[in-house]
PDB file of N, CA and C in Angstrom:
ATOM      1  N   UNK A   1    -172.495   9.211 -26.188  1.00  0.00           N
ATOM      2  CA  UNK A   1    -172.134   8.179 -26.942  1.00  0.00           C
ATOM      3  C   UNK A   1    -170.521   8.815 -27.376  1.00  0.00           C
ATOM      4  N   UNK A   2    -170.402   9.896 -27.992  1.00  0.00           N
ATOM      5  CA  UNK A   2    -169.126  10.153 -28.138  1.00  0.00           C
ATOM      6  C   UNK A   2    -168.012  10.434 -26.861  1.00  0.00           C
ATOM      7  N   UNK A   3    -169.085  10.734 -25.729  1.00  0.00           N
ATOM      8  CA  UNK A   3    -168.001  11.445 -24.563  1.00  0.00           C
ATOM      9  C   UNK A   3    -167.208  10.165 -24.745  1.00  0.00           C
ATOM     10  N   UNK A   4    -167.161   9.019 -24.456  1.00  0.00           N
ATOM     11  CA  UNK A   4    -166.749   7.523 -24.074  1.00  0.00           C
ATOM     12  C   UNK A   4    -165.164   7.468 -24.552  1.00  0.00           C
ATOM     13  N   UNK A   5    -165.422   7.915 -26.097  1.00  0.00           N
ATOM     14  CA  UNK A   5    -163.444   8.276 -26.486  1.00  0.00           C
ATOM     15  C   UNK A   5    -163.578   9.208 -27.067  1.00  0.00           C
ATOM     16  N   UNK A   6    -163.172  10.294 -26.592  1.00  0.00           N
ATOM     17  CA  UNK A   6    -162.902  11.867 -26.834  1.00  0.00           C
ATOM     18  C   UNK A   6    -161.429  11.874 -27.560  1.00  0.00           C
ATOM     19  N   UNK A   7    -160.967  11.090 -27.250  1.00  0.00           N
ATOM     20  CA  UNK A   7    -159.765  10.964 -28.047  1.00  0.00           C
ATOM     21  C   UNK A   7    -159.565   9.723 -29.137  1.00  0.00           C
ATOM     22  N   UNK A   8    -158.407   9.710 -29.852  1.00  0.00           N
ATOM     23  CA  UNK A   8    -158.247   8.379 -30.663  1.00  0.00           C
ATOM     24  C   UNK A   8    -157.568   7.607 -28.773  1.00  0.00           C
ATOM     25  N   UNK A   9    -157.516   6.463 -29.428  1.00  0.00           N
ATOM     26  CA  UNK A   9    -157.129   5.156 -28.396  1.00  0.00           C
ATOM     27  C   UNK A   9    -155.682   5.270 -29.346  1.00  0.00           C
ATOM     28  N   UNK A  10    -155.221   5.037 -27.960  1.00  0.00           N
ATOM     29  CA  UNK A  10    -153.612   4.679 -28.283  1.00  0.00           C
ATOM     30  C   UNK A  10    -153.615   3.185 -28.980  1.00  0.00           C
ATOM     31  N   UNK A  11    -152.338   3.321 -29.912  1.00  0.00           N
ATOM     32  CA  UNK A  11    -152.251   2.074 -30.678  1.00  0.00           C
ATOM     33  C   UNK A  11    -151.359   0.935 -30.085  1.00  0.00           C
ATOM     34  N   UNK A  12    -151.378   0.822 -29.133  1.00  0.00           N
ATOM     35  CA  UNK A  12    -150.871   0.013 -28.078  1.00  0.00           C
ATOM     36  C   UNK A  12    -151.874  -0.540 -27.235  1.00  0.00           C
ATOM     37  N   UNK A  13    -153.375  -0.032 -27.556  1.00  0.00           N
ATOM     38  CA  UNK A  13    -154.274  -0.370 -26.533  1.00  0.00           C
ATOM     39  C   UNK A  13    -155.089  -1.104 -28.015  1.00  0.00           C
ATOM     40  N   UNK A  14    -155.048  -0.695 -29.125  1.00  0.00           N
ATOM     41  CA  UNK A  14    -156.314  -1.081 -30.430  1.00  0.00           C
ATOM     42  C   UNK A  14    -154.908  -2.525 -30.888  1.00  0.00           C
ATOM     43  N   UNK A  15    -154.096  -2.246 -31.413  1.00  0.00           N
ATOM     44  CA  UNK A  15    -153.532  -3.364 -31.665  1.00  0.00           C
ATOM     45  C   UNK A  15    -153.631  -4.775 -30.898  1.00  0.00           C
ATOM     46  N   UNK A  16    -153.048  -4.803 -29.470  1.00  0.00           N
ATOM     47  CA  UNK A  16    -153.112  -6.265 -29.178  1.00  0.00           C
ATOM     48  C   UNK A  16    -154.263  -6.312 -28.861  1.00  0.00           C
ATOM     49  N   UNK A  17    -155.167  -5.051 -28.689  1.00  0.00           N
ATOM     50  CA  UNK A  17    -157.199  -5.882 -28.915  1.00  0.00           C
ATOM     51  C   UNK A  17    -157.658  -6.424 -29.663  1.00  0.00           C
ATOM     52  N   UNK A  18    -157.165  -5.717 -30.935  1.00  0.00           N
ATOM     53  CA  UNK A  18    -157.825  -6.719 -32.214  1.00  0.00           C
ATOM     54  C   UNK A  18    -157.053  -7.992 -32.768  1.00  0.00           C
ATOM     55  N   UNK A  19    -155.767  -7.963 -32.157  1.00  0.00           N
ATOM     56  CA  UNK A  19    -154.574  -9.605 -32.435  1.00  0.00           C
ATOM     57  C   UNK A  19    -155.162 -10.361 -30.948  1.00  0.00           C
ATOM     58  N   UNK A  20    -155.726 -10.167 -30.024  1.00  0.00           N
ATOM     59  CA  UNK A  20    -156.352 -11.084 -29.227  1.00  0.00           C
ATOM     60  C   UNK A  20    -158.094 -11.210 -29.788  1.00  0.00           C
ATOM     61  N   UNK A  21    -158.587 -10.322 -30.242  1.00  0.00           N
ATOM     62  CA  UNK A  21    -160.197 -10.805 -30.836  1.00  0.00           C
ATOM     63  C   UNK A  21    -160.184 -11.714 -31.871  1.00  0.00           C
ATOM     64  N   UNK A  22    -159.144 -11.152 -33.317  1.00  0.00           N
ATOM     65  CA  UNK A  22    -158.755 -12.445 -33.992  1.00  0.00           C
ATOM     66  C   UNK A  22    -158.393 -13.397 -33.782  1.00  0.00           C
ATOM     67  N   UNK A  23    -157.458 -13.784 -32.322  1.00  0.00           N
ATOM     68  CA  UNK A  23    -157.207 -15.187 -32.217  1.00  0.00           C
ATOM     69  C   UNK A  23    -158.781 -15.951 -31.420  1.00  0.00           C
ATOM     70  N   UNK A  24    -159.592 -14.986 -30.540  1.00  0.00           N
ATOM     71  CA  UNK A  24    -160.481 -15.765 -30.444  1.00  0.00           C
ATOM     72  C   UNK A  24    -161.588 -15.612 -31.239  1.00  0.00           C
ATOM     73  N   UNK A  25    -161.971 -15.138 -32.266  1.00  0.00           N
ATOM     74  CA  UNK A  25    -162.920 -16.289 -33.398  1.00  0.00           C
ATOM     75  C   UNK A  25    -162.334 -16.928 -34.311  1.00  0.00           C
ATOM     76  N   UNK A  26    -160.648 -17.047 -33.918  1.00  0.00           N
ATOM     77  CA  UNK A  26    -160.094 -18.148 -34.824  1.00  0.00           C
ATOM     78  C   UNK A  26    -160.242 -19.474 -34.288  1.00  0.00           C
ATOM     79  N   UNK A  27    -160.185 -19.188 -33.064  1.00  0.00           N
ATOM     80  CA  UNK A  27    -160.848 -20.746 -32.160  1.00  0.00           C
ATOM     81  C   UNK A  27    -161.933 -20.626 -31.956  1.00  0.00           C
ATOM     82  N   UNK A  28    -162.474 -20.011 -32.322  1.00  0.00           N
ATOM     83  CA  UNK A  28    -164.334 -20.216 -32.395  1.00  0.00           C
ATOM     84  C   UNK A  28    -164.500 -20.821 -33.265  1.00  0.00           C
ATOM     85  N   UNK A  29    -163.661 -19.858 -34.603  1.00  0.00           N
ATOM     86  CA  UNK A  29    -164.665 -20.268 -35.485  1.00  0.00           C
ATOM     87  C   UNK A  29    -163.963 -21.458 -36.713  1.00  0.00           C
ATOM     88  N   UNK A  30    -162.361 -21.851 -36.013  1.00  0.00           N
ATOM     89  CA  UNK A  30    -161.357 -22.455 -36.896  1.00  0.00           C
ATOM     90  C   UNK A  30    -161.511 -22.366 -38.251  1.00  0.00           C
ATOM     91  N   UNK A  31    -161.633 -20.979 -38.681  1.00  0.00           N
ATOM     92  CA  UNK A  31    -161.320 -20.673 -39.795  1.00  0.00           C
ATOM     93  C   UNK A  31    -160.000 -19.237 -39.898  1.00  0.00           C
ATOM     94  N   UNK A  32    -159.768 -18.941 -40.970  1.00  0.00           N
ATOM     95  CA  UNK A  32    -159.118 -17.495 -40.752  1.00  0.00           C
ATOM     96  C   UNK A  32    -160.117 -16.888 -41.051  1.00  0.00           C
ATOM     97  N   UNK A  33    -160.073 -15.467 -40.714  1.00  0.00           N
ATOM     98  CA  UNK A  33    -160.840 -14.299 -40.274  1.00  0.00           C
ATOM     99  C   UNK A  33    -161.049 -13.072 -41.601  1.00  0.00           C
ATOM    100  N   UNK A  34    -161.634 -12.496 -41.604  1.00  0.00           N
ATOM    101  CA  UNK A  34    -161.055 -11.156 -42.029  1.00  0.00           C
ATOM    102  C   UNK A  34    -161.056 -10.888 -43.616  1.00  0.00           C
ATOM    103  N   UNK A  35    -159.812  -9.910 -43.771  1.00  0.00           N
ATOM    104  CA  UNK A  35    -159.527  -9.540 -45.244  1.00  0.00           C
ATOM    105  C   UNK A  35    -158.696 -10.746 -45.822  1.00  0.00           C
ATOM    106  N   UNK A  36    -157.962 -11.262 -45.018  1.00  0.00           N
ATOM    107  CA  UNK A  36    -156.801 -12.272 -45.891  1.00  0.00           C
ATOM    108  C   UNK A  36    -157.624 -13.608 -45.487  1.00  0.00           C
ATOM    109  N   UNK A  37    -158.263 -14.219 -45.062  1.00  0.00           N
ATOM    110  CA  UNK A  37    -159.729 -14.916 -45.586  1.00  0.00           C
ATOM    111  C   UNK A  37    -160.174 -15.131 -46.769  1.00  0.00           C
ATOM    112  N   UNK A  38    -160.289 -13.620 -46.659  1.00  0.00           N
ATOM    113  CA  UNK A  38    -161.556 -12.991 -47.767  1.00  0.00           C
ATOM    114  C   UNK A  38    -160.454 -13.309 -49.014  1.00  0.00           C
ATOM    115  N   UNK A  39    -159.565 -13.142 -48.692  1.00  0.00           N
ATOM    116  CA  UNK A  39    -158.368 -12.895 -50.154  1.00  0.00           C
ATOM    117  C   UNK A  39    -157.944 -14.684 -50.452  1.00  0.00           C
ATOM    118  N   UNK A  40    -157.800 -15.348 -49.557  1.00  0.00           N
ATOM    119  CA  UNK A  40    -157.073 -16.478 -49.559  1.00  0.00           C
ATOM    120  C   UNK A  40    -158.839 -17.151 -50.624  1.00  0.00           C
ATOM    121  N   UNK A  41    -160.060 -16.849 -50.294  1.00  0.00           N
ATOM    122  CA  UNK A  41    -160.667 -17.504 -50.461  1.00  0.00           C
ATOM    123  C   UNK A  41    -161.494 -17.861 -52.004  1.00  0.00           C
ATOM    124  N   UNK A  42    -161.247 -16.155 -52.230  1.00  0.00           N
ATOM    125  CA  UNK A  42    -161.153 -15.325 -53.659  1.00  0.00           C
ATOM    126  C   UNK A  42    -160.413 -16.052 -54.349  1.00  0.00           C
ATOM    127  N   UNK A  43    -159.131 -16.454 -54.072  1.00  0.00           N
ATOM    128  CA  UNK A  43    -158.455 -16.562 -54.958  1.00  0.00           C
ATOM    129  C   UNK A  43    -158.743 -18.415 -55.180  1.00  0.00           C
ATOM    130  N   UNK A  44    -158.833 -19.188 -54.164  1.00  0.00           N
ATOM    131  CA  UNK A  44    -159.078 -20.294 -54.379  1.00  0.00           C
ATOM    132  C   UNK A  44    -160.568 -20.809 -55.077  1.00  0.00           C
ATOM    133  N   UNK A  45    -161.533 -19.416 -55.245  1.00  0.00           N
ATOM    134  CA  UNK A  45    -162.382 -19.145 -56.008  1.00  0.00           C
ATOM    135  C   UNK A  45    -161.984 -20.029 -57.679  1.00  0.00           C
ATOM    136  N   UNK A  46    -160.878 -18.439 -58.018  1.00  0.00           N
ATOM    137  CA  UNK A  46    -160.252 -18.400 -58.805  1.00  0.00           C
ATOM    138  C   UNK A  46    -159.454 -19.712 -59.641  1.00  0.00           C
ATOM    139  N   UNK A  47    -158.922 -20.205 -58.455  1.00  0.00           N
ATOM    140  CA  UNK A  47    -158.416 -22.005 -58.922  1.00  0.00           C
ATOM    141  C   UNK A  47    -158.995 -22.838 -58.843  1.00  0.00           C
ATOM    142  N   UNK A  48    -160.475 -22.526 -58.673  1.00  0.00           N
ATOM    143  CA  UNK A  48    -161.835 -24.124 -58.602  1.00  0.00           C
ATOM    144  C   UNK A  48    -161.409 -24.507 -57.801  1.00  0.00           C
ATOM    145  N   UNK A  49    -161.337 -24.677 -56.207  1.00  0.00           N
ATOM    146  CA  UNK A  49    -161.559 -25.675 -55.585  1.00  0.00           C
ATOM    147  C   UNK A  49    -162.695 -26.013 -54.462  1.00  0.00           C
ATOM    148  N   UNK A  50    -162.922 -26.960 -54.534  1.00  0.00           N
ATOM    149  CA  UNK A  50    -164.034 -27.103 -53.934  1.00  0.00           C
ATOM    150  C   UNK A  50    -164.659 -26.575 -52.314  1.00  0.00           C
ATOM    151  N   UNK A  51    -163.416 -26.298 -51.787  1.00  0.00           N
ATOM    152  CA  UNK A  51    -163.862 -25.584 -50.757  1.00  0.00           C
ATOM    153  C   UNK A  51    -163.563 -24.449 -50.051  1.00  0.00           C
ATOM    154  N   UNK A  52    -164.783 -23.597 -51.055  1.00  0.00           N
ATOM    155  CA  UNK A  52    -164.371 -21.728 -50.952  1.00  0.00           C
ATOM    156  C   UNK A  52    -165.339 -22.306 -49.991  1.00  0.00           C
ATOM    157  N   UNK A  53    -165.627 -21.160 -49.146  1.00  0.00           N
ATOM    158  CA  UNK A  53    -166.801 -20.088 -48.941  1.00  0.00           C
ATOM    159  C   UNK A  53    -166.970 -19.328 -49.284  1.00  0.00           C
ATOM    160  N   UNK A  54    -168.573 -18.744 -49.908  1.00  0.00           N
ATOM    161  CA  UNK A  54    -168.754 -18.059 -51.066  1.00  0.00           C
ATOM    162  C   UNK A  54    -168.734 -17.003 -50.514  1.00  0.00           C
ATOM    163  N   UNK A  55    -169.768 -16.417 -48.875  1.00  0.00           N
ATOM    164  CA  UNK A  55    -169.865 -15.472 -48.020  1.00  0.00           C
ATOM    165  C   UNK A  55    -168.467 -14.878 -48.220  1.00  0.00           C
ATOM    166  N   UNK A  56    -167.466 -14.968 -48.249  1.00  0.00           N
ATOM    167  CA  UNK A  56    -165.795 -14.325 -47.773  1.00  0.00           C
ATOM    168  C   UNK A  56    -165.519 -13.826 -49.067  1.00  0.00           C
ATOM    169  N   UNK A  57    -165.580 -14.367 -50.342  1.00  0.00           N
ATOM    170  CA  UNK A  57    -165.625 -13.971 -51.704  1.00  0.00           C
ATOM    171  C   UNK A  57    -166.585 -12.588 -52.018  1.00  0.00           C
ATOM    172  N   UNK A  58    -167.589 -12.071 -51.436  1.00  0.00           N
ATOM    173  CA  UNK A  58    -168.478 -11.623 -51.727  1.00  0.00           C
ATOM    174  C   UNK A  58    -167.974 -10.216 -50.833  1.00  0.00           C
ATOM    175  N   UNK A  59    -167.202 -10.672 -49.297  1.00  0.00           N
ATOM    176  CA  UNK A  59    -166.649  -9.954 -48.681  1.00  0.00           C
ATOM    177  C   UNK A  59    -165.835  -8.824 -49.639  1.00  0.00           C
ATOM    178  N   UNK A  60    -164.927  -9.981 -50.456  1.00  0.00           N
ATOM    179  CA  UNK A  60    -163.619  -9.067 -50.614  1.00  0.00           C
ATOM    180  C   UNK A  60    -164.416  -8.522 -51.923  1.00  0.00           C
ATOM    181  N   UNK A  61    -165.236  -8.711 -53.037  1.00  0.00           N
ATOM    182  CA  UNK A  61    -165.121  -7.948 -53.903  1.00  0.00           C
ATOM    183  C   UNK A  61    -166.248  -6.859 -52.952  1.00  0.00           C
ATOM    184  N   UNK A  62    -166.809  -6.893 -52.443  1.00  0.00           N
ATOM    185  CA  UNK A  62    -167.449  -5.608 -51.998  1.00  0.00           C
ATOM    186  C   UNK A  62    -166.465  -4.558 -50.972  1.00  0.00           C
ATOM    187  N   UNK A  63    -165.495  -5.219 -50.678  1.00  0.00           N
ATOM    188  CA  UNK A  63    -164.293  -4.084 -50.174  1.00  0.00           C
ATOM    189  C   UNK A  63    -163.853  -3.473 -51.568  1.00  0.00           C
ATOM    190  N   UNK A  64    -163.782  -4.066 -52.496  1.00  0.00           N
ATOM    191  CA  UNK A  64    -162.874  -3.674 -53.737  1.00  0.00           C
ATOM    192  C   UNK A  64    -164.210  -2.655 -54.053  1.00  0.00           C
ATOM    193  N   UNK A  65    -164.990  -2.966 -53.984  1.00  0.00           N
ATOM    194  CA  UNK A  65    -166.249  -1.819 -54.807  1.00  0.00           C
ATOM    195  C   UNK A  65    -166.530  -0.936 -53.867  1.00  0.00           C
ATOM    196  N   UNK A  66    -166.424  -1.451 -52.693  1.00  0.00           N
ATOM    197  CA  UNK A  66    -166.749   0.089 -51.614  1.00  0.00           C
ATOM    198  C   UNK A  66    -165.552   0.580 -51.964  1.00  0.00           C
ATOM    199  N   UNK A  67    -164.530   0.686 -51.738  1.00  0.00           N
ATOM    200  CA  UNK A  67    -163.632   1.557 -52.126  1.00  0.00           C
ATOM    201  C   UNK A  67    -163.487   2.200 -53.766  1.00  0.00           C
ATOM    202  N   UNK A  68    -163.963   1.727 -54.306  1.00  0.00           N
ATOM    203  CA  UNK A  68    -163.460   2.072 -55.926  1.00  0.00           C
ATOM    204  C   UNK A  68    -164.967   3.461 -55.321  1.00  0.00           C
ATOM    205  N   UNK A  69    -166.220   2.947 -55.178  1.00  0.00           N
ATOM    206  CA  UNK A  69    -167.130   3.787 -54.842  1.00  0.00           C
ATOM    207  C   UNK A  69    -166.874   5.019 -53.979  1.00  0.00           C
ATOM    208  N   UNK A  70    -166.475   4.855 -52.718  1.00  0.00           N
ATOM    209  CA  UNK A  70    -166.207   6.134 -52.529  1.00  0.00           C
ATOM    210  C   UNK A  70    -164.553   6.749 -53.007  1.00  0.00           C
ATOM    211  N   UNK A  71    -163.957   6.425 -54.097  1.00  0.00           N
ATOM    212  CA  UNK A  71    -163.070   7.187 -54.158  1.00  0.00           C
ATOM    213  C   UNK A  71    -163.613   7.936 -55.288  1.00  0.00           C
ATOM    214  N   UNK A  72    -165.025   7.500 -56.144  1.00  0.00           N
ATOM    215  CA  UNK A  72    -165.184   8.550 -57.188  1.00  0.00           C
ATOM    216  C   UNK A  72    -166.195   9.545 -56.397  1.00  0.00           C
ATOM    217  N   UNK A  73    -166.902   8.653 -55.472  1.00  0.00           N
ATOM    218  CA  UNK A  73    -167.699   9.956 -54.838  1.00  0.00           C
ATOM    219  C   UNK A  73    -166.914  11.171 -54.314  1.00  0.00           C
ATOM    220  N   UNK A  74    -165.930  11.136 -53.766  1.00  0.00           N
ATOM    221  CA  UNK A  74    -165.702  11.601 -52.662  1.00  0.00           C
ATOM    222  C   UNK A  74    -164.158  12.429 -53.649  1.00  0.00           C
ATOM    223  N   UNK A  75    -164.576  12.146 -54.767  1.00  0.00           N
ATOM    224  CA  UNK A  75    -163.067  12.501 -56.200  1.00  0.00           C
ATOM    225  C   UNK A  75    -162.927  14.150 -56.029  1.00  0.00           C
ATOM    226  N   UNK A  76    -164.058  15.201 -56.032  1.00  0.00           N
ATOM    227  CA  UNK A  76    -163.838  16.280 -55.817  1.00  0.00           C
ATOM    228  C   UNK A  76    -164.988  17.207 -54.646  1.00  0.00           C
ATOM    229  N   UNK A  77    -163.998  17.866 -54.014  1.00  0.00           N
ATOM    230  CA  UNK A  77    -165.042  18.833 -53.169  1.00  0.00           C
ATOM    231  C   UNK A  77    -164.898  17.922 -51.771  1.00  0.00           C
ATOM    232  N   UNK A  78    -164.763  16.713 -51.698  1.00  0.00           N
ATOM    233  CA  UNK A  78    -164.293  16.277 -49.924  1.00  0.00           C
ATOM    234  C   UNK A  78    -163.692  16.907 -49.074  1.00  0.00           C
ATOM    235  N   UNK A  79    -164.048  17.003 -48.080  1.00  0.00           N
ATOM    236  CA  UNK A  79    -162.983  17.203 -47.402  1.00  0.00           C
ATOM    237  C   UNK A  79    -162.969  15.194 -45.865  1.00  0.00           C
ATOM    238  N   UNK A  80    -161.745  14.690 -46.347  1.00  0.00           N
ATOM    239  CA  UNK A  80    -161.214  14.079 -45.628  1.00  0.00           C
ATOM    240  C   UNK A  80    -160.910  13.713 -43.883  1.00  0.00           C
ATOM    241  N   UNK A  81    -161.313  13.696 -43.065  1.00  0.00           N
ATOM    242  CA  UNK A  81    -160.616  13.902 -41.938  1.00  0.00           C
ATOM    243  C   UNK A  81    -160.376  12.621 -41.250  1.00  0.00           C
ATOM    244  N   UNK A  82    -159.359  12.123 -40.567  1.00  0.00           N
ATOM    245  CA  UNK A  82    -159.280  10.749 -39.651  1.00  0.00           C
ATOM    246  C   UNK A  82    -159.586  11.192 -38.114  1.00  0.00           C
ATOM    247  N   UNK A  83    -159.688  10.268 -37.336  1.00  0.00           N
ATOM    248  CA  UNK A  83    -159.957  10.219 -36.088  1.00  0.00           C
ATOM    249  C   UNK A  83    -161.891  10.207 -35.391  1.00  0.00           C
ATOM    250  N   UNK A  84    -162.263  10.321 -34.413  1.00  0.00           N
ATOM    251  CA  UNK A  84    -162.755  10.638 -33.918  1.00  0.00           C
ATOM    252  C   UNK A  84    -163.773  12.136 -34.094  1.00  0.00           C
ATOM    253  N   UNK A  85    -162.583  12.750 -34.462  1.00  0.00           N
ATOM    254  CA  UNK A  85    -163.409  14.151 -34.775  1.00  0.00           C
ATOM    255  C   UNK A  85    -164.183  14.198 -35.760  1.00  0.00           C
ATOM    256  N   UNK A  86    -163.980  13.516 -36.804  1.00  0.00           N
ATOM    257  CA  UNK A  86    -164.682  13.205 -38.083  1.00  0.00           C
ATOM    258  C   UNK A  86    -166.436  12.729 -37.726  1.00  0.00           C
ATOM    259  N   UNK A  87    -166.311  12.018 -36.535  1.00  0.00           N
ATOM    260  CA  UNK A  87    -167.710  11.419 -36.299  1.00  0.00           C
ATOM    261  C   UNK A  87    -168.633  12.602 -35.318  1.00  0.00           C
ATOM    262  N   UNK A  88    -168.132  13.689 -34.951  1.00  0.00           N
ATOM    263  CA  UNK A  88    -168.996  14.496 -34.104  1.00  0.00           C
ATOM    264  C   UNK A  88    -169.710  15.370 -34.756  1.00  0.00           C
ATOM    265  N   UNK A  89    -169.487  15.632 -35.915  1.00  0.00           N
ATOM    266  CA  UNK A  89    -170.534  16.749 -37.122  1.00  0.00           C
ATOM    267  C   UNK A  89    -171.860  15.676 -37.639  1.00  0.00           C
TER     268      UNK A  89
END
């Protein structure tokens, strides 16, 4: 499976691909998707709007708590690597 993408995929392939995926998902679901949508829904909950999608609020809270957890767990003695090389071991 790891031989499928031996190196990083170039940005000019991944960027437009993600953009098209977001547009496709937006056209199917007719709602903003991703972190931006979750941020907006969390803001709507804070403003007590009635049309808040609750799972997006939990998604946003989970991103925050996940980042906090990783920074606390990886505080000392962790080796941070990026790219597909990190998945090979």
